[in-house]
Amino acid sequence: MKDNSSAFNSSIYDSKISAVLPYYTEYNKQILDLAKAKLADSESLAIARWKNYMLAHGRTEEQTKNHMKRRGTELFPITIEEHIKILKEIGFTSVDLLWGSYLQAGFFAIK
């Protein structure tokens, strides 16, 4: 299939990268969604994607609903910017976002 003007067939690339990075397709969707979202919409988009992820991985609608009800009552998430600010306030001199997915993030920090 000639699907682009490069020397490579993108479907071959996609199948090979998916074999190495099993969550490549999902991660790619998340990045595209976030790039399209307005800043105000990004949290609702992340919540909707998290709900769909739970449903796709065996949680029932009721379990998912109960989990989501915990947000703001048992779970109090903060933004990436707030995480970085707190890490710097407690003495980390170098703080970077290592990865982000759905409503989770990992940081690399040096004290």
N, C-alpha and C. Protein backbone atom coordinates (compact mmCIF):
# COMPACT_ATOMS: atom_id res chain seq x y z
N MET A 1 0.85 -1.18 0.00
CA MET A 1 0.00 0.00 0.00
C MET A 1 0.88 1.23 0.00
N LYS A 2 0.62 2.13 -0.90
CA LYS A 2 1.37 3.40 -0.92
C LYS A 2 0.49 4.44 -0.24
N ASP A 3 0.74 4.63 1.05
CA ASP A 3 -0.11 5.52 1.84
C ASP A 3 0.54 6.84 2.20
N ASN A 4 1.77 7.03 1.78
CA ASN A 4 2.43 8.31 2.02
C ASN A 4 3.55 8.48 1.01
N SER A 5 4.22 9.59 1.05
CA SER A 5 5.26 9.84 0.06
C SER A 5 6.65 9.43 0.53
N SER A 6 6.75 8.84 1.71
CA SER A 6 8.05 8.40 2.19
C SER A 6 8.39 7.04 1.59
N ALA A 7 9.60 6.60 1.86
CA ALA A 7 10.05 5.31 1.34
C ALA A 7 9.51 4.15 2.17
N PHE A 8 8.80 4.45 3.24
CA PHE A 8 8.34 3.41 4.15
C PHE A 8 6.83 3.28 4.15
N ASN A 9 6.36 2.08 4.31
CA ASN A 9 4.93 1.80 4.43
C ASN A 9 4.58 1.97 5.91
N SER A 10 3.70 2.89 6.23
CA SER A 10 3.39 3.18 7.63
C SER A 10 2.76 2.00 8.36
N SER A 11 2.05 1.13 7.67
CA SER A 11 1.44 -0.02 8.36
C SER A 11 2.51 -1.01 8.84
N ILE A 12 3.61 -1.13 8.10
CA ILE A 12 4.72 -1.97 8.54
C ILE A 12 5.37 -1.35 9.77
N TYR A 13 5.60 -0.04 9.73
CA TYR A 13 6.17 0.67 10.87
C TYR A 13 5.28 0.48 12.10
N ASP A 14 3.96 0.70 11.92
CA ASP A 14 3.03 0.58 13.05
C ASP A 14 3.05 -0.82 13.65
N SER A 15 3.08 -1.85 12.82
CA SER A 15 3.09 -3.22 13.36
C SER A 15 4.38 -3.51 14.11
N LYS A 16 5.50 -3.00 13.60
CA LYS A 16 6.79 -3.24 14.27
C LYS A 16 6.90 -2.47 15.58
N ILE A 17 6.48 -1.22 15.57
CA ILE A 17 6.59 -0.45 16.82
C ILE A 17 5.61 -0.98 17.86
N SER A 18 4.45 -1.45 17.43
CA SER A 18 3.48 -2.02 18.37
C SER A 18 4.01 -3.31 19.01
N ALA A 19 4.83 -4.05 18.28
CA ALA A 19 5.43 -5.26 18.84
C ALA A 19 6.44 -4.91 19.93
N VAL A 20 7.12 -3.79 19.77
CA VAL A 20 8.13 -3.37 20.74
C VAL A 20 7.50 -2.58 21.90
N LEU A 21 6.55 -1.71 21.57
CA LEU A 21 5.86 -0.89 22.56
C LEU A 21 4.38 -1.24 22.53
N PRO A 22 3.95 -2.21 23.35
CA PRO A 22 2.58 -2.71 23.25
C PRO A 22 1.48 -1.66 23.43
N TYR A 23 1.76 -0.57 24.11
CA TYR A 23 0.73 0.44 24.32
C TYR A 23 0.89 1.63 23.37
N TYR A 24 1.66 1.45 22.31
CA TYR A 24 1.94 2.53 21.37
C TYR A 24 0.66 3.13 20.80
N THR A 25 -0.25 2.30 20.34
CA THR A 25 -1.48 2.80 19.70
C THR A 25 -2.30 3.62 20.69
N GLU A 26 -2.47 3.11 21.91
CA GLU A 26 -3.25 3.83 22.92
C GLU A 26 -2.55 5.12 23.32
N TYR A 27 -1.24 5.05 23.50
CA TYR A 27 -0.48 6.23 23.87
C TYR A 27 -0.57 7.30 22.77
N ASN A 28 -0.48 6.86 21.53
CA ASN A 28 -0.60 7.77 20.40
C ASN A 28 -1.96 8.46 20.39
N LYS A 29 -3.03 7.70 20.66
CA LYS A 29 -4.38 8.28 20.72
C LYS A 29 -4.47 9.35 21.81
N GLN A 30 -3.87 9.03 22.97
CA GLN A 30 -3.90 9.99 24.08
C GLN A 30 -3.20 11.29 23.71
N ILE A 31 -2.05 11.18 23.08
CA ILE A 31 -1.30 12.37 22.69
C ILE A 31 -2.10 13.20 21.69
N LEU A 32 -2.69 12.53 20.71
CA LEU A 32 -3.47 13.26 19.71
C LEU A 32 -4.68 13.93 20.35
N ASP A 33 -5.38 13.23 21.25
CA ASP A 33 -6.53 13.82 21.93
C ASP A 33 -6.12 15.05 22.73
N LEU A 34 -5.03 14.95 23.47
CA LEU A 34 -4.59 16.07 24.30
C LEU A 34 -4.12 17.24 23.44
N ALA A 35 -3.51 16.94 22.32
CA ALA A 35 -3.06 18.02 21.43
C ALA A 35 -4.26 18.76 20.85
N LYS A 36 -5.35 18.06 20.63
CA LYS A 36 -6.55 18.68 20.06
C LYS A 36 -7.37 19.42 21.12
N ALA A 37 -7.25 18.98 22.37
CA ALA A 37 -8.10 19.53 23.43
C ALA A 37 -7.66 20.94 23.82
N LYS A 38 -8.62 21.73 24.18
CA LYS A 38 -8.32 23.02 24.77
C LYS A 38 -7.90 22.75 26.21
N LEU A 39 -7.16 23.63 26.80
CA LEU A 39 -6.67 23.42 28.16
C LEU A 39 -7.82 23.13 29.12
N ALA A 40 -8.92 23.84 29.00
CA ALA A 40 -10.04 23.64 29.91
C ALA A 40 -10.68 22.26 29.73
N ASP A 41 -10.54 21.66 28.55
CA ASP A 41 -11.15 20.37 28.28
C ASP A 41 -10.24 19.19 28.63
N SER A 42 -8.98 19.42 28.91
CA SER A 42 -8.03 18.31 29.06
C SER A 42 -8.37 17.41 30.24
N GLU A 43 -8.83 17.98 31.36
CA GLU A 43 -9.17 17.14 32.51
C GLU A 43 -10.37 16.25 32.21
N SER A 44 -11.42 16.81 31.62
CA SER A 44 -12.60 15.99 31.31
C SER A 44 -12.26 14.93 30.28
N LEU A 45 -11.38 15.25 29.35
CA LEU A 45 -10.93 14.27 28.36
C LEU A 45 -10.17 13.13 29.04
N ALA A 46 -9.28 13.47 29.95
CA ALA A 46 -8.51 12.45 30.67
C ALA A 46 -9.42 11.56 31.51
N ILE A 47 -10.41 12.14 32.15
CA ILE A 47 -11.36 11.36 32.97
C ILE A 47 -12.16 10.41 32.08
N ALA A 48 -12.63 10.89 30.95
CA ALA A 48 -13.39 10.03 30.04
C ALA A 48 -12.53 8.88 29.52
N ARG A 49 -11.28 9.17 29.18
CA ARG A 49 -10.38 8.12 28.70
C ARG A 49 -10.08 7.11 29.80
N TRP A 50 -9.91 7.57 31.04
CA TRP A 50 -9.65 6.67 32.17
C TRP A 50 -10.86 5.75 32.38
N LYS A 51 -12.05 6.30 32.30
CA LYS A 51 -13.27 5.49 32.45
C LYS A 51 -13.32 4.42 31.36
N ASN A 52 -13.08 4.82 30.12
CA ASN A 52 -13.09 3.85 29.01
C ASN A 52 -12.03 2.78 29.19
N TYR A 53 -10.86 3.17 29.71
CA TYR A 53 -9.79 2.20 29.96
C TYR A 53 -10.24 1.17 31.00
N MET A 54 -10.84 1.63 32.09
CA MET A 54 -11.29 0.70 33.13
C MET A 54 -12.34 -0.27 32.58
N LEU A 55 -13.28 0.25 31.81
CA LEU A 55 -14.32 -0.60 31.23
C LEU A 55 -13.73 -1.62 30.26
N ALA A 56 -12.75 -1.19 29.48
CA ALA A 56 -12.12 -2.09 28.51
C ALA A 56 -11.25 -3.16 29.16
N HIS A 57 -10.91 -2.94 30.43
CA HIS A 57 -10.05 -3.89 31.13
C HIS A 57 -10.76 -4.61 32.27
N GLY A 58 -12.06 -4.83 32.10
CA GLY A 58 -12.78 -5.74 32.98
C GLY A 58 -13.61 -5.14 34.10
N ARG A 59 -13.52 -3.85 34.33
CA ARG A 59 -14.36 -3.25 35.36
C ARG A 59 -15.78 -3.11 34.84
N THR A 60 -16.74 -3.32 35.73
CA THR A 60 -18.14 -3.13 35.34
C THR A 60 -18.46 -1.64 35.35
N GLU A 61 -19.60 -1.30 34.78
CA GLU A 61 -20.04 0.10 34.79
C GLU A 61 -20.19 0.60 36.23
N GLU A 62 -20.74 -0.24 37.11
CA GLU A 62 -20.92 0.15 38.51
C GLU A 62 -19.57 0.33 39.23
N GLN A 63 -18.64 -0.59 39.01
CA GLN A 63 -17.32 -0.45 39.62
C GLN A 63 -16.62 0.82 39.14
N THR A 64 -16.76 1.09 37.86
CA THR A 64 -16.15 2.29 37.30
C THR A 64 -16.77 3.54 37.89
N LYS A 65 -18.10 3.55 37.99
CA LYS A 65 -18.80 4.69 38.57
C LYS A 65 -18.37 4.92 40.01
N ASN A 66 -18.28 3.84 40.79
CA ASN A 66 -17.86 3.96 42.19
C ASN A 66 -16.42 4.47 42.31
N HIS A 67 -15.57 4.01 41.42
CA HIS A 67 -14.19 4.48 41.43
C HIS A 67 -14.13 5.98 41.12
N MET A 68 -14.89 6.40 40.12
CA MET A 68 -14.86 7.80 39.71
C MET A 68 -15.46 8.72 40.80
N LYS A 69 -16.39 8.20 41.61
CA LYS A 69 -16.98 9.00 42.69
C LYS A 69 -15.96 9.35 43.77
N ARG A 70 -14.87 8.60 43.84
CA ARG A 70 -13.84 8.86 44.85
C ARG A 70 -13.07 10.14 44.58
N ARG A 71 -13.10 10.58 43.34
CA ARG A 71 -12.36 11.79 42.94
C ARG A 71 -12.95 13.01 43.65
N GLY A 72 -12.13 13.69 44.43
CA GLY A 72 -12.59 14.86 45.16
C GLY A 72 -13.12 14.54 46.55
N THR A 73 -13.27 13.26 46.86
CA THR A 73 -13.71 12.86 48.21
C THR A 73 -12.64 12.03 48.91
N GLU A 74 -12.08 11.04 48.22
CA GLU A 74 -10.99 10.23 48.76
C GLU A 74 -9.68 10.48 48.02
N LEU A 75 -9.81 10.82 46.77
CA LEU A 75 -8.64 11.11 45.92
C LEU A 75 -8.64 12.59 45.59
N PHE A 76 -7.50 13.24 45.79
CA PHE A 76 -7.40 14.67 45.54
C PHE A 76 -6.22 14.95 44.61
N PRO A 77 -6.42 14.71 43.33
CA PRO A 77 -5.31 14.88 42.39
C PRO A 77 -4.90 16.34 42.25
N ILE A 78 -3.61 16.51 41.95
CA ILE A 78 -3.10 17.84 41.66
C ILE A 78 -2.50 17.83 40.26
N THR A 79 -2.30 18.99 39.72
CA THR A 79 -1.80 19.10 38.35
C THR A 79 -0.31 18.78 38.28
N ILE A 80 0.17 18.57 37.07
CA ILE A 80 1.60 18.35 36.85
C ILE A 80 2.38 19.57 37.33
N GLU A 81 1.88 20.75 37.03
CA GLU A 81 2.56 21.97 37.46
C GLU A 81 2.65 22.05 38.98
N GLU A 82 1.57 21.64 39.68
CA GLU A 82 1.59 21.65 41.15
C GLU A 82 2.59 20.64 41.70
N HIS A 83 2.67 19.45 41.07
CA HIS A 83 3.67 18.46 41.48
C HIS A 83 5.08 19.03 41.37
N ILE A 84 5.38 19.63 40.22
CA ILE A 84 6.71 20.18 39.98
C ILE A 84 7.02 21.28 41.00
N LYS A 85 6.06 22.15 41.25
CA LYS A 85 6.25 23.23 42.22
C LYS A 85 6.55 22.67 43.61
N ILE A 86 5.80 21.68 44.05
CA ILE A 86 6.02 21.09 45.38
C ILE A 86 7.39 20.42 45.46
N LEU A 87 7.76 19.67 44.41
CA LEU A 87 9.07 19.01 44.42
C LEU A 87 10.20 20.04 44.51
N LYS A 88 10.07 21.15 43.81
CA LYS A 88 11.09 22.20 43.88
C LYS A 88 11.10 22.87 45.25
N GLU A 89 9.91 23.08 45.84
CA GLU A 89 9.81 23.70 47.17
C GLU A 89 10.48 22.86 48.25
N ILE A 90 10.48 21.54 48.09
CA ILE A 90 11.09 20.68 49.12
C ILE A 90 12.53 20.32 48.83
N GLY A 91 13.13 21.02 47.86
CA GLY A 91 14.56 20.91 47.68
C GLY A 91 15.07 20.18 46.46
N PHE A 92 14.20 19.71 45.59
CA PHE A 92 14.68 19.08 44.35
C PHE A 92 15.09 20.19 43.40
N THR A 93 16.33 20.11 42.91
CA THR A 93 16.83 21.19 42.05
C THR A 93 16.51 20.96 40.58
N SER A 94 16.37 19.72 40.20
CA SER A 94 16.03 19.39 38.82
C SER A 94 14.78 18.51 38.84
N VAL A 95 13.72 18.96 38.20
CA VAL A 95 12.46 18.22 38.18
C VAL A 95 11.92 18.21 36.76
N ASP A 96 11.63 17.02 36.26
CA ASP A 96 11.08 16.89 34.91
C ASP A 96 9.96 15.86 34.90
N LEU A 97 9.04 16.04 33.98
CA LEU A 97 8.01 15.05 33.74
C LEU A 97 8.64 13.91 32.96
N LEU A 98 8.55 12.70 33.50
CA LEU A 98 9.11 11.53 32.84
C LEU A 98 8.08 10.92 31.89
N TRP A 99 6.83 10.78 32.34
CA TRP A 99 5.76 10.27 31.50
C TRP A 99 4.41 10.69 32.08
N GLY A 100 3.41 10.70 31.24
CA GLY A 100 2.05 10.98 31.67
C GLY A 100 1.09 10.11 30.88
N SER A 101 0.11 9.56 31.56
CA SER A 101 -0.86 8.70 30.90
C SER A 101 -2.16 8.73 31.68
N TYR A 102 -3.26 9.00 30.97
CA TYR A 102 -4.56 9.12 31.62
C TYR A 102 -4.44 10.15 32.74
N LEU A 103 -4.71 9.73 33.98
CA LEU A 103 -4.65 10.66 35.11
C LEU A 103 -3.43 10.40 35.98
N GLN A 104 -2.39 9.83 35.41
CA GLN A 104 -1.18 9.51 36.16
C GLN A 104 0.02 10.19 35.52
N ALA A 105 1.04 10.43 36.34
CA ALA A 105 2.26 11.04 35.83
C ALA A 105 3.43 10.51 36.64
N GLY A 106 4.57 10.43 35.98
CA GLY A 106 5.81 10.04 36.65
C GLY A 106 6.82 11.17 36.50
N PHE A 107 7.60 11.39 37.53
CA PHE A 107 8.55 12.50 37.52
C PHE A 107 9.96 11.99 37.76
N PHE A 108 10.93 12.72 37.23
CA PHE A 108 12.34 12.47 37.45
C PHE A 108 12.85 13.71 38.19
N ALA A 109 13.39 13.49 39.39
CA ALA A 109 13.83 14.64 40.18
C ALA A 109 15.16 14.32 40.86
N ILE A 110 16.01 15.32 40.96
CA ILE A 110 17.31 15.17 41.61
C ILE A 110 17.37 16.17 42.76
N LYS A 111 17.78 15.66 43.93
CA LYS A 111 17.88 16.52 45.11
C LYS A 111 19.33 16.78 45.43
